[in-house]
N, C-alpha and C. Protein backbone atom coordinates (compact mmCIF):
# COMPACT_ATOMS: atom_id res chain seq x y z
N MET A 1 14.08 -10.70 9.14
CA MET A 1 12.68 -10.21 8.90
C MET A 1 12.23 -8.44 8.94
N LEU A 2 11.30 -8.40 9.00
CA LEU A 2 10.32 -7.24 8.93
C LEU A 2 9.95 -6.78 10.15
N SER A 3 9.83 -5.25 10.83
CA SER A 3 9.32 -4.54 11.19
C SER A 3 8.59 -4.24 12.26
N SER A 4 7.50 -4.55 13.10
CA SER A 4 5.98 -4.40 13.62
C SER A 4 5.24 -3.79 13.05
N VAL A 5 4.26 -3.70 13.16
CA VAL A 5 2.83 -3.35 13.85
C VAL A 5 1.41 -3.63 12.61
N GLN A 6 1.47 -1.66 12.38
CA GLN A 6 0.33 -1.37 11.53
C GLN A 6 0.28 -2.21 9.75
N THR A 7 -1.43 -2.26 9.45
CA THR A 7 -1.39 -3.16 8.19
C THR A 7 -1.60 -2.27 6.77
N GLY A 8 -1.59 -2.51 5.77
CA GLY A 8 -1.99 -2.31 4.40
C GLY A 8 -3.19 -2.80 4.04
N VAL A 9 -3.98 -2.14 3.66
CA VAL A 9 -5.41 -2.48 2.63
C VAL A 9 -5.55 -2.36 1.29
N LYS A 10 -5.74 -3.63 0.66
CA LYS A 10 -5.50 -3.13 -0.28
C LYS A 10 -7.29 -2.13 -0.56
N ALA A 11 -7.08 -1.54 -2.01
CA ALA A 11 -7.29 -0.19 -2.50
C ALA A 11 -7.87 -0.61 -3.90
N VAL A 12 -9.39 -0.25 -4.44
CA VAL A 12 -9.13 -0.01 -6.14
C VAL A 12 -9.28 1.27 -6.72
N SER A 13 -10.17 1.11 -7.49
CA SER A 13 -10.59 2.44 -8.16
C SER A 13 -10.75 3.55 -7.39
N LEU A 14 -11.64 2.66 -6.51
CA LEU A 14 -12.70 4.07 -5.34
C LEU A 14 -12.20 3.68 -4.24
N LEU A 15 -11.76 4.56 -3.31
CA LEU A 15 -11.65 4.53 -1.92
C LEU A 15 -12.44 4.31 -1.04
N ALA A 16 -13.02 3.42 -0.38
CA ALA A 16 -13.68 3.21 0.19
C ALA A 16 -13.16 2.51 2.31
N ILE A 17 -13.75 3.77 2.95
CA ILE A 17 -12.80 3.56 4.11
C ILE A 17 -13.89 3.67 5.08
N TRP A 18 -13.81 2.58 6.25
CA TRP A 18 -14.84 2.25 7.24
C TRP A 18 -14.73 3.40 7.89
N ALA A 19 -16.32 4.18 8.64
CA ALA A 19 -15.44 5.59 9.31
C ALA A 19 -15.37 5.32 10.31
N MET A 20 -14.72 5.98 11.13
CA MET A 20 -13.75 5.69 12.25
C MET A 20 -13.37 6.95 13.14
N PRO A 21 -13.70 6.86 14.35
CA PRO A 21 -13.40 8.39 14.92
C PRO A 21 -12.23 8.94 14.67
N TRP A 22 -11.11 8.94 14.06
CA TRP A 22 -9.91 9.14 13.94
C TRP A 22 -10.42 10.04 12.47
N GLN A 23 -11.36 10.05 11.19
CA GLN A 23 -11.52 10.71 10.18
C GLN A 23 -12.06 12.31 10.83
N ALA A 24 -11.19 13.21 10.68
CA ALA A 24 -11.87 14.00 10.71
C ALA A 24 -12.31 15.13 9.48
N SER A 25 -13.00 16.04 9.73
CA SER A 25 -12.88 16.56 8.28
C SER A 25 -12.14 17.64 7.48
N MET A 26 -11.81 17.16 6.70
CA MET A 26 -11.14 18.18 5.74
C MET A 26 -11.02 19.74 4.81
N GLY A 27 -11.65 20.17 5.39
CA GLY A 27 -11.98 21.97 4.97
C GLY A 27 -13.49 21.39 3.87
N ALA A 28 -13.03 21.59 2.55
CA ALA A 28 -14.94 21.54 1.94
C ALA A 28 -14.69 20.64 0.56
N GLU A 29 -14.09 19.29 1.51
CA GLU A 29 -14.07 17.97 0.76
C GLU A 29 -15.96 17.06 0.90
N PRO A 30 -16.16 16.97 -0.22
CA PRO A 30 -17.17 15.78 -0.48
C PRO A 30 -17.87 15.07 1.32
N GLU A 31 -18.67 15.26 1.30
CA GLU A 31 -20.13 14.10 2.45
C GLU A 31 -19.59 12.74 2.32
N PRO A 32 -18.79 12.36 2.87
CA PRO A 32 -19.64 10.68 2.90
C PRO A 32 -20.75 10.43 2.02
N VAL A 33 -21.01 9.46 1.79
CA VAL A 33 -22.28 8.29 1.07
C VAL A 33 -22.57 6.55 1.76
N GLU A 34 -23.19 6.59 2.54
CA GLU A 34 -23.34 5.34 3.05
C GLU A 34 -23.57 4.29 1.51
N VAL A 35 -22.74 3.28 1.15
CA VAL A 35 -22.74 2.92 -0.09
C VAL A 35 -22.90 1.18 0.76
N ALA A 36 -23.11 0.52 1.77
CA ALA A 36 -23.30 0.02 2.70
C ALA A 36 -23.71 -0.44 4.26
N PRO A 37 -24.19 -1.03 4.82
CA PRO A 37 -24.38 -0.91 5.68
C PRO A 37 -22.67 -0.74 7.53
N ASP A 38 -22.58 1.00 7.57
CA ASP A 38 -21.73 0.84 8.24
C ASP A 38 -20.26 0.76 7.52
N VAL A 39 -20.55 1.24 6.34
CA VAL A 39 -19.39 1.41 4.89
C VAL A 39 -19.60 2.79 4.54
N LEU A 40 -18.68 3.71 4.37
CA LEU A 40 -19.41 4.49 3.65
C LEU A 40 -18.20 4.87 2.49
N LEU A 41 -18.36 5.70 1.25
CA LEU A 41 -18.04 5.97 0.37
C LEU A 41 -17.10 7.07 0.51
N MET A 42 -16.32 7.56 0.93
CA MET A 42 -14.76 8.81 1.07
C MET A 42 -14.83 9.37 0.19
N GLY A 43 -14.61 9.30 -1.30
CA GLY A 43 -14.26 9.36 -2.27
C GLY A 43 -13.82 8.92 -3.26
N ARG A 44 -13.42 9.86 -3.96
CA ARG A 44 -12.03 8.60 -5.43
C ARG A 44 -11.11 9.14 -5.76
N ILE A 45 -9.79 8.43 -5.56
CA ILE A 45 -8.53 8.82 -6.03
C ILE A 45 -9.29 9.62 -7.50
N ARG A 46 -8.09 10.91 -7.11
CA ARG A 46 -8.48 12.33 -8.40
C ARG A 46 -7.19 12.40 -9.37
N SER A 47 -6.47 11.47 -8.92
CA SER A 47 -4.99 11.76 -9.74
C SER A 47 -5.36 10.76 -11.17
N HIS A 48 -4.79 11.11 -12.41
CA HIS A 48 -4.77 11.35 -13.00
C HIS A 48 -3.35 9.94 -13.40
N ARG A 49 -2.44 9.89 -12.57
CA ARG A 49 -1.35 9.38 -12.39
C ARG A 49 -1.62 7.83 -11.43
N VAL A 50 -2.38 7.81 -10.87
CA VAL A 50 -2.99 6.76 -9.94
C VAL A 50 -4.10 6.09 -10.76
N THR A 51 -3.64 5.43 -11.37
CA THR A 51 -4.42 4.64 -12.41
C THR A 51 -4.84 2.79 -12.36
N GLU A 52 -3.48 2.34 -11.08
CA GLU A 52 -4.13 1.04 -10.24
C GLU A 52 -3.44 0.92 -8.65
N CYS A 53 -3.77 1.51 -8.87
CA CYS A 53 -4.01 1.58 -6.80
C CYS A 53 -4.05 0.50 -6.66
N SER A 54 -2.58 -0.29 -5.71
CA SER A 54 -2.28 -1.81 -5.61
C SER A 54 -2.42 -0.94 -3.48
N GLY A 55 -2.37 -0.33 -3.04
CA GLY A 55 -2.09 -0.90 -1.85
C GLY A 55 -2.15 0.68 -1.67
N ILE A 56 -2.62 0.31 0.30
CA ILE A 56 -3.31 2.01 1.00
C ILE A 56 -2.46 1.81 2.32
N VAL A 57 -2.09 2.43 3.25
CA VAL A 57 -1.67 2.38 4.35
C VAL A 57 -2.15 3.94 4.92
N ARG A 58 -2.02 4.09 6.50
CA ARG A 58 -2.41 5.48 6.70
C ARG A 58 -1.02 6.31 6.92
N SER A 59 -0.80 7.52 6.63
CA SER A 59 0.65 7.71 6.96
C SER A 59 0.63 7.99 8.66
N THR A 60 2.17 7.52 9.42
CA THR A 60 2.13 7.85 10.93
C THR A 60 2.99 9.38 11.05
N ILE A 61 3.05 10.30 10.25
CA ILE A 61 3.70 11.62 9.42
C ILE A 61 2.59 12.33 10.08
N ASP A 62 1.23 12.80 9.45
CA ASP A 62 0.36 13.01 9.09
C ASP A 62 -0.98 12.65 8.70
N ARG A 63 -1.55 12.28 9.37
CA ARG A 63 -3.04 11.53 10.30
C ARG A 63 -3.42 12.08 9.06
N ASN A 64 -3.59 12.92 8.47
CA ASN A 64 -4.72 12.85 6.64
C ASN A 64 -4.44 12.09 5.89
N VAL A 65 -3.26 11.78 5.61
CA VAL A 65 -3.31 11.07 4.89
C VAL A 65 -2.59 10.20 4.59
N PHE A 66 -3.26 9.48 3.54
CA PHE A 66 -2.85 8.00 2.84
C PHE A 66 -1.48 7.32 2.40
N TRP A 67 -0.68 6.41 1.93
CA TRP A 67 -0.19 6.56 1.44
C TRP A 67 -0.35 5.49 0.14
N VAL A 68 -0.56 5.45 -1.46
CA VAL A 68 -0.99 4.90 -2.34
C VAL A 68 0.10 4.43 -3.23
N HIS A 69 0.42 3.58 -4.12
CA HIS A 69 0.91 3.37 -5.20
C HIS A 69 0.62 2.40 -6.06
N ASN A 70 1.05 2.65 -7.78
CA ASN A 70 0.47 2.14 -8.84
C ASN A 70 0.94 0.44 -8.30
N ASP A 71 0.56 -0.35 -9.37
CA ASP A 71 0.27 -1.76 -9.45
C ASP A 71 1.93 -1.79 -10.15
N GLY A 72 1.95 -1.15 -11.63
CA GLY A 72 3.20 -1.15 -12.27
C GLY A 72 3.57 0.03 -12.63
N ARG A 73 4.06 0.64 -13.77
CA ARG A 73 4.62 2.09 -14.12
C ARG A 73 5.95 1.97 -13.42
N HIS A 74 5.79 3.55 -12.84
CA HIS A 74 6.29 4.82 -12.03
C HIS A 74 6.86 4.04 -10.44
N PRO A 75 8.05 3.86 -10.28
CA PRO A 75 8.39 3.06 -8.24
C PRO A 75 8.31 4.70 -7.80
N ARG A 76 7.03 4.71 -7.43
CA ARG A 76 6.91 6.16 -6.99
C ARG A 76 5.13 6.45 -5.59
N LEU A 77 5.59 6.47 -4.75
CA LEU A 77 4.37 6.85 -3.41
C LEU A 77 3.44 7.92 -3.64
N TYR A 78 2.20 7.89 -3.50
CA TYR A 78 1.15 9.07 -3.72
C TYR A 78 0.83 9.17 -2.12
N GLY A 79 0.60 10.88 -2.23
CA GLY A 79 0.19 10.72 -0.32
C GLY A 79 -1.47 11.16 -0.34
N ILE A 80 -2.44 11.20 -0.76
CA ILE A 80 -3.58 11.07 -0.83
C ILE A 80 -4.24 11.23 0.56
N THR A 81 -5.18 12.48 0.68
CA THR A 81 -6.42 12.43 1.54
C THR A 81 -7.24 11.15 1.68
N ARG A 82 -8.25 11.45 2.79
CA ARG A 82 -8.85 10.40 3.17
C ARG A 82 -10.17 10.33 1.60
N THR A 83 -10.57 11.58 0.95
CA THR A 83 -10.88 11.96 -0.08
C THR A 83 -10.52 11.37 -1.55
N GLY A 84 -9.30 11.03 -1.26
CA GLY A 84 -8.47 11.42 -2.95
C GLY A 84 -7.83 12.10 -3.51
N ILE A 85 -7.53 13.34 -2.84
CA ILE A 85 -7.22 14.34 -3.17
C ILE A 85 -5.75 14.26 -2.67
N THR A 86 -4.73 13.86 -4.08
CA THR A 86 -3.40 13.75 -3.92
C THR A 86 -2.59 15.11 -3.31
N VAL A 87 -1.89 14.84 -2.48
CA VAL A 87 -1.28 15.70 -1.64
C VAL A 87 0.46 15.69 -1.69
N ALA A 88 0.72 14.44 -2.27
CA ALA A 88 2.50 14.12 -2.38
C ALA A 88 2.25 13.18 -3.60
N GLU A 89 3.71 13.49 -4.32
CA GLU A 89 4.22 12.30 -5.25
C GLU A 89 5.56 11.98 -5.15
N ILE A 90 6.20 11.41 -4.28
CA ILE A 90 7.40 10.43 -4.11
C ILE A 90 8.19 9.51 -5.09
N PRO A 91 8.95 10.10 -5.75
CA PRO A 91 10.35 9.19 -6.13
C PRO A 91 10.60 8.14 -5.33
N VAL A 92 10.73 6.66 -6.22
CA VAL A 92 11.78 5.74 -4.78
C VAL A 92 12.59 5.71 -5.41
N LEU A 93 13.68 5.73 -5.08
CA LEU A 93 14.86 5.14 -5.51
C LEU A 93 15.46 4.23 -5.09
N GLY A 94 16.07 3.46 -6.07
CA GLY A 94 16.66 1.73 -5.38
C GLY A 94 15.60 0.65 -5.73
N ALA A 95 13.98 0.84 -5.83
CA ALA A 95 13.38 -0.01 -5.56
C ALA A 95 12.60 -0.47 -7.96
N PHE A 96 12.71 -1.81 -7.74
CA PHE A 96 12.70 -2.52 -8.91
C PHE A 96 11.04 -2.21 -9.09
N LEU A 97 10.74 -1.92 -9.61
CA LEU A 97 8.97 -2.03 -9.79
C LEU A 97 8.47 -2.93 -11.12
N VAL A 98 8.47 -4.53 -10.35
CA VAL A 98 7.90 -5.51 -11.45
C VAL A 98 6.30 -5.18 -11.53
N ASP A 99 5.95 -5.78 -9.95
CA ASP A 99 4.39 -5.67 -9.01
C ASP A 99 4.07 -5.23 -8.70
N TRP A 100 3.90 -4.34 -7.61
CA TRP A 100 3.71 -3.31 -6.78
C TRP A 100 2.30 -3.99 -6.47
N GLU A 101 2.29 -4.57 -5.08
CA GLU A 101 1.32 -4.84 -4.36
C GLU A 101 0.53 -4.28 -3.06
N ASP A 102 1.28 -4.43 -2.72
CA ASP A 102 0.67 -3.73 -1.20
C ASP A 102 1.37 -2.73 -0.48
N ILE A 103 1.09 -1.82 0.94
CA ILE A 103 1.75 -1.63 1.62
C ILE A 103 2.09 -1.30 2.34
N ALA A 104 2.96 -1.77 3.32
CA ALA A 104 2.44 -1.14 4.99
C ALA A 104 3.10 -0.52 6.00
N THR A 105 2.49 -0.72 6.84
CA THR A 105 4.29 0.69 7.99
C THR A 105 4.40 -0.18 9.60
N ASP A 106 5.01 0.12 10.17
CA ASP A 106 5.84 -0.64 11.31
C ASP A 106 5.62 0.72 12.23
N GLY A 107 4.58 1.73 11.87
CA GLY A 107 4.75 2.86 13.11
C GLY A 107 6.04 3.60 14.10
N LYS A 108 6.63 2.62 13.05
CA LYS A 108 8.23 3.38 14.05
C LYS A 108 8.33 4.61 12.91
N GLY A 109 8.10 4.64 11.59
CA GLY A 109 9.13 5.41 10.71
C GLY A 109 9.42 4.70 9.28
N HIS A 110 8.57 3.40 8.96
CA HIS A 110 9.05 2.99 7.77
C HIS A 110 8.08 2.15 7.38
N LEU A 111 7.95 2.38 5.97
CA LEU A 111 7.17 1.66 4.45
C LEU A 111 7.29 0.70 4.33
N PHE A 112 7.11 -0.09 4.34
CA PHE A 112 7.52 -1.23 3.52
C PHE A 112 6.33 -2.07 2.13
N ILE A 113 7.03 -1.49 0.85
CA ILE A 113 6.89 -2.01 -0.45
C ILE A 113 6.38 -3.14 -0.37
N ALA A 114 5.68 -4.06 -0.84
CA ALA A 114 5.25 -5.58 -2.14
C ALA A 114 5.10 -5.24 -3.22
N ASP A 115 6.67 -5.76 -3.49
CA ASP A 115 6.65 -6.14 -5.23
C ASP A 115 6.48 -7.58 -4.92
N THR A 116 5.49 -7.72 -4.88
CA THR A 116 4.71 -9.69 -4.82
C THR A 116 3.56 -10.08 -6.10
N GLY A 117 3.33 -9.00 -6.48
CA GLY A 117 2.90 -9.87 -7.98
C GLY A 117 3.35 -10.27 -8.63
N ASN A 118 2.72 -12.02 -8.88
CA ASN A 118 2.68 -12.72 -9.76
C ASN A 118 1.91 -13.55 -10.54
N ASN A 119 1.17 -12.88 -11.29
CA ASN A 119 0.32 -13.20 -12.24
C ASN A 119 0.18 -14.51 -13.07
N ASP A 120 1.17 -14.33 -13.17
CA ASP A 120 1.69 -15.78 -14.19
C ASP A 120 2.63 -16.63 -13.15
N ALA A 121 2.75 -16.79 -12.26
CA ALA A 121 3.35 -17.29 -11.47
C ALA A 121 4.59 -17.89 -12.70
N ASP A 122 5.44 -16.60 -12.93
CA ASP A 122 6.70 -16.81 -13.86
C ASP A 122 7.44 -15.73 -13.13
N ARG A 123 7.75 -15.78 -11.91
CA ARG A 123 8.33 -15.01 -11.06
C ARG A 123 9.02 -15.92 -10.04
N ARG A 124 10.10 -15.72 -10.07
CA ARG A 124 11.19 -17.15 -9.22
C ARG A 124 11.62 -16.46 -7.44
N GLU A 125 11.30 -15.27 -7.66
CA GLU A 125 12.16 -14.49 -6.70
C GLU A 125 10.94 -13.14 -6.42
N VAL A 126 10.72 -12.70 -5.45
CA VAL A 126 9.69 -11.09 -5.43
C VAL A 126 10.56 -10.48 -4.33
N ALA A 127 10.26 -9.32 -4.04
CA ALA A 127 10.56 -8.54 -3.16
C ALA A 127 9.88 -7.83 -2.82
N VAL A 128 10.46 -6.94 -0.82
CA VAL A 128 9.91 -6.45 -0.43
C VAL A 128 10.83 -5.30 -0.28
N TYR A 129 10.62 -3.56 0.00
CA TYR A 129 11.56 -2.70 -0.31
C TYR A 129 11.20 -1.90 0.84
N GLN A 130 11.93 -1.86 1.81
CA GLN A 130 11.80 -0.30 3.61
C GLN A 130 11.98 0.63 2.48
N VAL A 131 11.62 1.51 2.86
CA VAL A 131 12.04 3.48 2.57
C VAL A 131 11.42 4.31 4.15
N LYS A 132 12.52 5.16 4.59
CA LYS A 132 12.20 5.52 5.49
C LYS A 132 10.79 6.19 4.72
N GLU A 133 9.38 6.80 6.19
CA GLU A 133 8.30 6.88 5.50
C GLU A 133 8.34 8.94 5.02
N PRO A 134 8.00 8.43 4.24
CA PRO A 134 7.98 10.50 3.78
C PRO A 134 7.36 11.36 4.45
N ASP A 135 8.06 12.41 4.30
CA ASP A 135 7.26 13.54 4.75
C ASP A 135 5.97 14.06 3.86
N PRO A 136 5.31 13.79 3.79
CA PRO A 136 3.94 14.15 2.77
C PRO A 136 3.87 15.73 2.22
N ALA A 137 4.50 17.08 2.98
CA ALA A 137 5.15 18.00 2.94
C ALA A 137 6.09 18.73 2.55
N TYR A 138 6.61 18.21 1.76
CA TYR A 138 8.28 18.04 1.37
C TYR A 138 7.55 17.05 0.12
N ASN A 139 6.57 17.30 -0.97
CA ASN A 139 5.75 16.67 -1.78
C ASN A 139 7.94 16.92 -3.46
N LEU A 140 7.53 16.04 -4.09
CA LEU A 140 8.73 15.43 -4.99
C LEU A 140 9.89 15.11 -4.51
N ARG A 141 10.23 15.39 -3.43
CA ARG A 141 11.47 14.43 -2.65
C ARG A 141 11.37 13.33 -2.65
N PRO A 142 12.62 12.49 -3.63
CA PRO A 142 12.56 11.16 -3.55
C PRO A 142 12.81 10.41 -1.65
N VAL A 143 12.87 9.26 -2.15
CA VAL A 143 13.21 8.35 -0.65
C VAL A 143 13.92 7.16 -1.58
N GLU A 144 15.12 7.05 -0.04
CA GLU A 144 15.85 5.49 -1.22
C GLU A 144 15.37 4.41 -0.24
N VAL A 145 14.95 3.41 -0.99
CA VAL A 145 15.23 1.97 -0.51
C VAL A 145 16.24 2.16 0.72
N THR A 146 15.86 1.61 1.69
CA THR A 146 16.62 1.54 2.85
C THR A 146 17.07 0.11 3.38
N ARG A 147 16.67 -0.64 3.34
CA ARG A 147 16.96 -2.68 3.27
C ARG A 147 15.32 -3.05 2.38
N THR A 148 16.29 -4.10 1.03
CA THR A 148 15.50 -5.31 0.66
C THR A 148 15.59 -6.00 0.94
N TRP A 149 14.29 -6.96 0.98
CA TRP A 149 14.60 -8.69 1.67
C TRP A 149 14.27 -9.21 -0.26
N ARG A 150 14.47 -10.09 -0.59
CA ARG A 150 14.47 -10.71 -2.37
C ARG A 150 14.39 -12.05 -1.31
N LEU A 151 13.16 -12.88 -2.05
CA LEU A 151 12.33 -13.70 -1.36
C LEU A 151 11.78 -14.81 -2.74
N ARG A 152 12.90 -15.56 -1.78
CA ARG A 152 12.24 -16.92 -2.89
C ARG A 152 11.07 -18.15 -2.34
N TYR A 153 10.07 -18.79 -2.95
CA TYR A 153 9.24 -19.93 -3.13
C TYR A 153 9.12 -20.38 -2.38
N PRO A 154 8.75 -21.06 -1.22
CA PRO A 154 8.88 -22.58 -0.71
C PRO A 154 8.60 -23.37 -1.61
N GLY A 155 7.98 -23.61 -2.77
CA GLY A 155 7.72 -24.36 -3.19
C GLY A 155 7.40 -23.73 -4.95
N GLN A 156 5.43 -23.71 -5.38
CA GLN A 156 5.66 -23.48 -6.99
C GLN A 156 5.81 -22.52 -6.26
N PRO A 157 5.92 -21.48 -7.36
CA PRO A 157 5.73 -19.73 -7.16
C PRO A 157 4.15 -19.81 -7.38
N PHE A 158 3.40 -17.94 -6.92
CA PHE A 158 2.55 -18.05 -6.11
C PHE A 158 2.26 -16.73 -6.65
N ASP A 159 1.30 -16.53 -6.46
CA ASP A 159 0.88 -14.74 -6.61
C ASP A 159 0.02 -14.28 -5.57
N SER A 160 1.18 -13.01 -5.17
CA SER A 160 0.90 -12.85 -3.84
C SER A 160 0.09 -11.40 -3.56
N GLU A 161 -0.74 -10.78 -3.14
CA GLU A 161 -1.21 -9.02 -2.95
C GLU A 161 -1.78 -8.12 -2.04
N ALA A 162 -1.40 -9.27 -0.89
CA ALA A 162 -1.03 -8.94 0.06
C ALA A 162 -0.04 -8.95 1.46
N LEU A 163 0.12 -7.86 2.06
CA LEU A 163 1.29 -7.59 2.88
C LEU A 163 0.76 -7.00 4.63
N PHE A 164 1.00 -7.63 6.13
CA PHE A 164 1.02 -6.91 6.57
C PHE A 164 2.29 -7.07 8.08
N LEU A 165 2.34 -6.52 8.92
CA LEU A 165 3.44 -6.22 9.71
C LEU A 165 2.19 -6.81 10.83
N TRP A 166 3.39 -7.80 11.78
CA TRP A 166 2.47 -8.17 13.03
C TRP A 166 3.71 -8.23 13.65
N ASP A 167 3.73 -7.80 14.98
CA ASP A 167 4.96 -8.42 16.00
C ASP A 167 6.56 -8.60 15.37
N GLN A 168 7.45 -7.61 15.19
CA GLN A 168 8.00 -7.25 14.13
C GLN A 168 8.10 -8.58 12.97
N HIS A 169 7.96 -8.95 12.27
CA HIS A 169 7.12 -9.76 11.31
C HIS A 169 6.89 -9.71 10.15
N GLY A 170 7.10 -9.41 9.00
CA GLY A 170 6.48 -9.31 7.97
C GLY A 170 5.55 -10.70 7.00
N TYR A 171 4.40 -10.55 6.41
CA TYR A 171 3.29 -11.68 6.17
C TYR A 171 2.81 -11.30 4.32
N LEU A 172 2.94 -12.63 3.73
CA LEU A 172 2.78 -12.23 2.90
C LEU A 172 1.39 -13.19 2.59
N ILE A 173 0.25 -13.51 2.34
CA ILE A 173 -0.88 -13.96 1.91
C ILE A 173 -1.02 -14.34 0.23
N SER A 174 -0.65 -15.39 0.14
CA SER A 174 -1.39 -15.85 -1.56
C SER A 174 -2.23 -15.77 -2.17
N LYS A 175 -2.38 -15.16 -3.02
CA LYS A 175 -3.96 -15.05 -3.67
C LYS A 175 -4.08 -16.36 -4.12
N VAL A 176 -5.88 -16.72 -3.75
CA VAL A 176 -5.94 -18.48 -4.48
C VAL A 176 -7.01 -18.50 -5.71
N TYR A 177 -7.33 -19.22 -6.10
CA TYR A 177 -8.83 -19.09 -7.11
C TYR A 177 -9.52 -20.35 -6.88
N ASN A 178 -10.73 -20.47 -7.01
CA ASN A 178 -11.66 -21.89 -7.08
C ASN A 178 -11.58 -21.95 -5.66
N ASP A 179 -11.58 -21.36 -4.99
CA ASP A 179 -12.40 -21.82 -3.25
C ASP A 179 -11.28 -22.25 -2.58
N ALA A 180 -9.58 -22.26 -3.12
CA ALA A 180 -8.26 -22.95 -2.45
C ALA A 180 -8.53 -21.54 -1.15
N LYS A 181 -7.13 -22.66 -0.41
CA LYS A 181 -6.86 -21.81 0.89
C LYS A 181 -5.46 -20.92 0.64
N ALA A 182 -6.10 -19.52 1.46
CA ALA A 182 -4.85 -18.86 1.17
C ALA A 182 -3.48 -19.36 1.68
N GLY A 183 -2.57 -19.52 2.15
CA GLY A 183 -1.43 -19.50 2.05
C GLY A 183 -0.92 -18.20 3.65
N LEU A 184 -0.21 -18.48 4.17
CA LEU A 184 0.43 -17.53 4.72
C LEU A 184 1.48 -17.22 5.31
N TYR A 185 2.27 -16.98 4.49
CA TYR A 185 3.89 -17.13 4.53
C TYR A 185 4.24 -15.27 5.41
């Protein structure tokens, strides 16, 4: 079982975050732009190394930082501000990166990285990695995987691109096509 509460939210090439009271101004960053009712475009991820951002979760150490990662390439976490400025790049040791899809926190100092992508449904096993949440102030200091969950499918393999933690359990949601119903595992 995974540990407790907060969730990761999917992100794509831009970082759009709903305006919330905790979003404080961070110096000379650009002003948010309303892109839909009550939805603000806060900025864009500017790092040339974050080319396929596939997960995002707010840091519990520095509330002005969000942890993101790429879908593929190198097993690293990137700390970014709410406007997309990179403030940390943290190597993750002991994690095999096939298709990282999401990230979550338990609010108790741990991050959970979901290596659960399975676009071609050819993976028989996926993984969730637990790491101690790094302090974004210590850029480039690696973190090590402290626990790994190897997960096998209950039936046919499927793609999962969402992870959340609730009530001391981890949950994966299946990606669906053609208006099928998503599975919650």
